[in-house]
Amino acid sequence: MTETLGALFASGRAVDIVLGVLAVEAVWLIARRRADVLPALLPGALILLAVRSALTGAEWWVVAGWLALSLPAHLYDLRRRLTASSARR
């Protein structure tokens, strides 16, 4: 069992599973008319890609690139949420 889990993480497949669940969640939420879900899920997906890259032995700049892309996505989502929150008051 330990070898199987180790291989699952070393190959990056564990992250692939999580990304798959994230994609199913996005489709389900969009189908429920929650179209604003993509900005909320994008930063997490980008961080997962960074984790997958690190687990599979990618160059440091690949990992850094995914992380760098996640920051503006997160800041956009944060600004969007704060703007919506202040508009409701």
Protein backbone atom coordinates (compact mmCIF):
# COMPACT_ATOMS: atom_id res chain seq x y z
CA MET A 1 0.00 0.00 0.00
CA THR A 2 2.79 2.44 0.90
CA GLU A 3 4.57 1.80 -2.41
CA THR A 4 1.34 2.42 -4.30
CA LEU A 5 0.73 5.75 -2.58
CA GLY A 6 4.36 6.74 -3.06
CA ALA A 7 4.12 5.98 -6.77
CA LEU A 8 0.83 7.87 -6.98
CA PHE A 9 2.47 11.01 -5.60
CA ALA A 10 5.84 10.60 -7.34
CA SER A 11 4.16 10.34 -10.72
CA GLY A 12 1.94 13.35 -10.08
CA ARG A 13 -1.19 11.24 -10.52
CA ALA A 14 -2.47 12.24 -7.07
CA VAL A 15 -2.59 15.85 -8.25
CA ASP A 16 -4.25 14.73 -11.49
CA ILE A 17 -7.02 13.15 -9.42
CA VAL A 18 -7.51 16.34 -7.42
CA LEU A 19 -7.55 18.41 -10.63
CA GLY A 20 -10.15 16.04 -12.05
CA VAL A 21 -12.35 16.48 -8.99
CA LEU A 22 -11.87 20.25 -9.27
CA ALA A 23 -12.97 20.13 -12.92
CA VAL A 24 -16.08 18.09 -12.05
CA GLU A 25 -16.88 20.59 -9.29
CA ALA A 26 -16.52 23.49 -11.74
CA VAL A 27 -18.86 21.86 -14.26
CA TRP A 28 -21.39 21.08 -11.54
CA LEU A 29 -21.31 24.63 -10.17
CA ILE A 30 -21.58 26.18 -13.63
CA ALA A 31 -24.55 23.90 -14.37
CA ARG A 32 -26.19 25.29 -11.23
CA ARG A 33 -25.81 28.79 -12.69
CA ARG A 34 -22.78 29.69 -10.59
CA ALA A 35 -20.84 31.11 -13.53
CA ASP A 36 -18.63 33.15 -11.21
CA VAL A 37 -16.92 29.99 -9.95
CA LEU A 38 -14.00 29.95 -12.38
CA PRO A 39 -12.14 32.92 -10.88
CA ALA A 40 -12.45 31.24 -7.49
CA LEU A 41 -11.10 27.88 -8.67
CA LEU A 42 -8.33 29.09 -10.98
CA PRO A 43 -5.74 30.05 -8.32
CA GLY A 44 -6.08 26.66 -6.65
CA ALA A 45 -5.74 24.84 -9.96
CA LEU A 46 -2.58 26.78 -10.77
CA ILE A 47 -1.09 25.96 -7.37
CA LEU A 48 -1.93 22.29 -7.93
CA LEU A 49 -0.07 22.44 -11.24
CA ALA A 50 2.92 23.85 -9.35
CA VAL A 51 2.73 20.97 -6.88
CA ARG A 52 2.49 18.46 -9.72
CA SER A 53 5.51 20.01 -11.40
CA ALA A 54 7.51 19.84 -8.17
CA LEU A 55 6.53 16.23 -7.54
CA THR A 56 7.54 15.13 -11.01
CA GLY A 57 10.92 16.83 -10.90
CA ALA A 58 10.30 19.78 -13.19
CA GLU A 59 12.79 22.62 -13.35
CA TRP A 60 12.47 25.25 -10.63
CA TRP A 61 11.30 27.88 -13.09
CA VAL A 62 8.33 25.74 -14.13
CA VAL A 63 7.18 25.48 -10.51
CA ALA A 64 7.83 29.20 -10.02
CA GLY A 65 5.92 29.99 -13.20
CA TRP A 66 2.77 28.20 -12.04
CA LEU A 67 3.02 29.92 -8.67
CA ALA A 68 3.58 33.30 -10.31
CA LEU A 69 0.48 32.80 -12.46
CA SER A 70 -1.58 31.93 -9.40
CA LEU A 71 -0.89 35.28 -7.70
CA PRO A 72 -2.67 37.58 -10.19
CA ALA A 73 -5.50 35.05 -10.46
CA HIS A 74 -5.88 35.08 -6.68
CA LEU A 75 -5.67 38.88 -6.47
CA TYR A 76 -8.34 39.20 -9.19
CA ASP A 77 -10.64 36.84 -7.31
CA LEU A 78 -10.00 38.65 -4.03
CA ARG A 79 -10.75 42.06 -5.58
CA ARG A 80 -13.88 40.66 -7.22
CA ARG A 81 -15.14 39.28 -3.92
CA LEU A 82 -14.37 42.45 -1.97
CA THR A 83 -16.07 44.60 -4.60
CA ALA A 84 -19.16 42.38 -4.55
CA SER A 85 -19.17 42.40 -0.74
CA SER A 86 -18.99 46.19 -0.49
CA ALA A 87 -21.68 46.60 -3.17
CA ARG A 88 -24.10 44.54 -1.07
CA ARG A 89 -23.76 46.83 1.97
